[in-house]
């Protein structure tokens, strides 16, 4: 299972679970398909930030 902290592991069309900004305290995960990768750096300790196909933005916690 990939954690979503490396940009190289992420590409458009992947099914992932992200944590939205509003859900960071509760840790609720939202499932969706990656549309855009928003993080420019090669890795991020809290997960790569992406936009899902439905427009929601968050950091990847799990790649399905």
N, C-alpha and C. Protein backbone atom coordinates (compact mmCIF):
# COMPACT_ATOMS: atom_id res chain seq x y z
N UNK A 1 0.85 -1.19 0.00
CA UNK A 1 0.00 0.00 0.00
C UNK A 1 0.88 1.25 0.00
N UNK A 2 0.60 2.15 -0.90
CA UNK A 2 1.36 3.39 -0.99
C UNK A 2 0.69 4.46 -0.14
N UNK A 3 1.53 5.33 0.48
CA UNK A 3 1.00 6.31 1.43
C UNK A 3 0.60 7.62 0.78
N UNK A 4 1.10 7.91 -0.42
CA UNK A 4 0.74 9.16 -1.07
C UNK A 4 1.64 10.32 -0.71
N UNK A 5 2.84 10.02 -0.18
CA UNK A 5 3.78 11.09 0.19
C UNK A 5 4.78 11.41 -0.92
N UNK A 6 4.89 10.53 -1.92
CA UNK A 6 5.82 10.75 -3.04
C UNK A 6 5.04 11.13 -4.29
N UNK A 7 5.43 12.25 -4.91
CA UNK A 7 4.74 12.75 -6.10
C UNK A 7 4.84 11.75 -7.26
N UNK A 8 5.98 11.03 -7.34
CA UNK A 8 6.20 10.08 -8.43
C UNK A 8 5.18 8.94 -8.43
N UNK A 9 4.58 8.65 -7.26
CA UNK A 9 3.60 7.56 -7.15
C UNK A 9 2.20 7.98 -7.61
N UNK A 10 2.00 9.29 -7.81
CA UNK A 10 0.66 9.83 -8.08
C UNK A 10 0.53 10.19 -9.55
N UNK A 11 -0.62 9.86 -10.12
CA UNK A 11 -0.92 10.31 -11.49
C UNK A 11 -2.44 10.46 -11.63
N UNK A 12 -2.84 11.24 -12.61
CA UNK A 12 -4.27 11.45 -12.87
C UNK A 12 -4.94 10.11 -13.16
N UNK A 13 -6.14 9.93 -12.62
CA UNK A 13 -6.88 8.70 -12.85
C UNK A 13 -6.76 7.68 -11.73
N UNK A 14 -5.83 7.91 -10.79
CA UNK A 14 -5.68 6.99 -9.65
C UNK A 14 -6.84 7.15 -8.69
N UNK A 15 -7.26 6.04 -8.09
CA UNK A 15 -8.29 6.09 -7.04
C UNK A 15 -7.56 6.23 -5.71
N UNK A 16 -7.91 7.27 -4.95
CA UNK A 16 -7.21 7.58 -3.70
C UNK A 16 -8.19 7.95 -2.59
N UNK A 17 -7.66 7.97 -1.37
CA UNK A 17 -8.39 8.52 -0.24
C UNK A 17 -7.63 9.74 0.23
N UNK A 18 -8.32 10.89 0.33
CA UNK A 18 -7.69 12.13 0.76
C UNK A 18 -8.35 12.61 2.04
N UNK A 19 -7.64 13.51 2.74
CA UNK A 19 -8.23 14.20 3.88
C UNK A 19 -8.41 15.66 3.46
N UNK A 20 -9.65 16.14 3.53
CA UNK A 20 -9.96 17.52 3.19
C UNK A 20 -9.50 18.44 4.30
N UNK A 21 -9.27 19.71 3.98
CA UNK A 21 -8.82 20.69 4.98
C UNK A 21 -9.77 20.72 6.19
N UNK A 22 -11.06 20.72 5.91
CA UNK A 22 -12.05 20.79 7.00
C UNK A 22 -12.08 19.52 7.85
N UNK A 23 -11.55 18.40 7.32
CA UNK A 23 -11.57 17.12 8.02
C UNK A 23 -10.23 16.76 8.67
N UNK A 24 -9.25 17.69 8.64
CA UNK A 24 -7.93 17.35 9.15
C UNK A 24 -7.93 16.98 10.63
N UNK A 25 -8.76 17.64 11.43
CA UNK A 25 -8.81 17.32 12.87
C UNK A 25 -9.48 15.98 13.12
N UNK A 26 -10.56 15.70 12.40
CA UNK A 26 -11.30 14.45 12.61
C UNK A 26 -10.66 13.27 11.88
N UNK A 27 -9.91 13.56 10.82
CA UNK A 27 -9.25 12.51 10.07
C UNK A 27 -10.16 11.75 9.12
N UNK A 28 -11.34 12.31 8.83
CA UNK A 28 -12.28 11.66 7.91
C UNK A 28 -11.68 11.65 6.50
N UNK A 29 -11.70 10.47 5.85
CA UNK A 29 -11.13 10.34 4.51
C UNK A 29 -12.24 10.40 3.46
N UNK A 30 -11.91 11.02 2.33
CA UNK A 30 -12.81 11.14 1.19
C UNK A 30 -12.20 10.39 0.02
N UNK A 31 -12.99 9.53 -0.61
CA UNK A 31 -12.48 8.71 -1.71
C UNK A 31 -12.81 9.38 -3.05
N UNK A 32 -11.89 9.27 -4.00
CA UNK A 32 -12.15 9.84 -5.31
C UNK A 32 -11.04 9.54 -6.30
N UNK A 33 -11.18 10.10 -7.49
CA UNK A 33 -10.22 9.90 -8.59
C UNK A 33 -9.40 11.18 -8.76
N UNK A 34 -8.07 11.05 -8.84
CA UNK A 34 -7.18 12.21 -9.00
C UNK A 34 -7.40 12.86 -10.37
N UNK A 35 -7.59 14.19 -10.35
CA UNK A 35 -7.69 14.96 -11.59
C UNK A 35 -6.40 15.76 -11.81
N UNK A 36 -5.98 16.52 -10.79
CA UNK A 36 -4.78 17.35 -10.88
C UNK A 36 -3.90 17.12 -9.65
N UNK A 37 -2.57 17.20 -9.84
CA UNK A 37 -1.63 17.17 -8.72
C UNK A 37 -1.25 18.62 -8.42
N UNK A 38 -1.47 19.06 -7.17
CA UNK A 38 -1.25 20.46 -6.82
C UNK A 38 0.08 20.70 -6.12
N UNK A 39 0.70 19.66 -5.57
CA UNK A 39 2.00 19.80 -4.89
C UNK A 39 3.11 19.74 -5.95
N UNK A 40 4.03 20.71 -5.91
CA UNK A 40 5.12 20.74 -6.88
C UNK A 40 6.36 19.98 -6.42
N UNK A 41 6.57 19.91 -5.10
CA UNK A 41 7.78 19.25 -4.59
C UNK A 41 7.68 17.73 -4.78
N UNK A 42 8.83 17.03 -4.87
CA UNK A 42 8.82 15.59 -5.13
C UNK A 42 8.19 14.75 -4.02
N UNK A 43 8.16 15.29 -2.78
CA UNK A 43 7.50 14.57 -1.68
C UNK A 43 6.98 15.57 -0.66
N UNK A 44 6.06 15.08 0.18
CA UNK A 44 5.50 15.93 1.24
C UNK A 44 5.13 15.03 2.42
N UNK A 45 5.57 15.40 3.64
CA UNK A 45 5.35 14.53 4.80
C UNK A 45 3.88 14.30 5.14
N UNK A 46 2.99 15.23 4.77
CA UNK A 46 1.57 15.08 5.10
C UNK A 46 0.75 14.54 3.93
N UNK A 47 1.44 14.23 2.82
CA UNK A 47 0.74 13.72 1.64
C UNK A 47 0.70 14.75 0.53
N UNK A 48 0.72 14.26 -0.70
CA UNK A 48 0.67 15.14 -1.87
C UNK A 48 -0.74 15.73 -2.00
N UNK A 49 -0.81 17.04 -2.25
CA UNK A 49 -2.11 17.70 -2.39
C UNK A 49 -2.61 17.51 -3.82
N UNK A 50 -3.87 17.08 -3.94
CA UNK A 50 -4.48 16.83 -5.25
C UNK A 50 -5.88 17.41 -5.32
N UNK A 51 -6.35 17.57 -6.57
CA UNK A 51 -7.75 17.92 -6.81
C UNK A 51 -8.41 16.67 -7.38
N UNK A 52 -9.54 16.28 -6.82
CA UNK A 52 -10.26 15.11 -7.31
C UNK A 52 -11.13 15.50 -8.50
N UNK A 53 -11.64 14.50 -9.21
CA UNK A 53 -12.46 14.75 -10.40
C UNK A 53 -13.74 15.52 -10.06
N UNK A 54 -14.20 15.44 -8.80
CA UNK A 54 -15.40 16.19 -8.40
C UNK A 54 -15.07 17.59 -7.86
N UNK A 55 -13.77 17.97 -7.91
CA UNK A 55 -13.38 19.33 -7.53
C UNK A 55 -12.87 19.49 -6.11
N UNK A 56 -13.01 18.47 -5.28
CA UNK A 56 -12.54 18.57 -3.89
C UNK A 56 -11.01 18.51 -3.85
N UNK A 57 -10.42 19.29 -2.91
CA UNK A 57 -8.97 19.36 -2.78
C UNK A 57 -8.56 18.86 -1.41
N UNK A 58 -7.51 18.03 -1.38
CA UNK A 58 -7.00 17.54 -0.11
C UNK A 58 -5.69 16.81 -0.30
N UNK A 59 -5.15 16.32 0.83
CA UNK A 59 -3.87 15.59 0.78
C UNK A 59 -4.12 14.09 0.80
N UNK A 60 -3.38 13.38 -0.05
CA UNK A 60 -3.55 11.93 -0.17
C UNK A 60 -3.05 11.23 1.10
N UNK A 61 -3.89 10.37 1.64
CA UNK A 61 -3.52 9.54 2.79
C UNK A 61 -3.35 8.09 2.39
N UNK A 62 -4.01 7.68 1.30
CA UNK A 62 -3.99 6.29 0.87
C UNK A 62 -4.19 6.20 -0.62
N UNK A 63 -3.44 5.32 -1.28
CA UNK A 63 -3.69 5.02 -2.70
C UNK A 63 -4.37 3.66 -2.74
N UNK A 64 -5.51 3.60 -3.38
CA UNK A 64 -6.30 2.36 -3.41
C UNK A 64 -5.89 1.50 -4.59
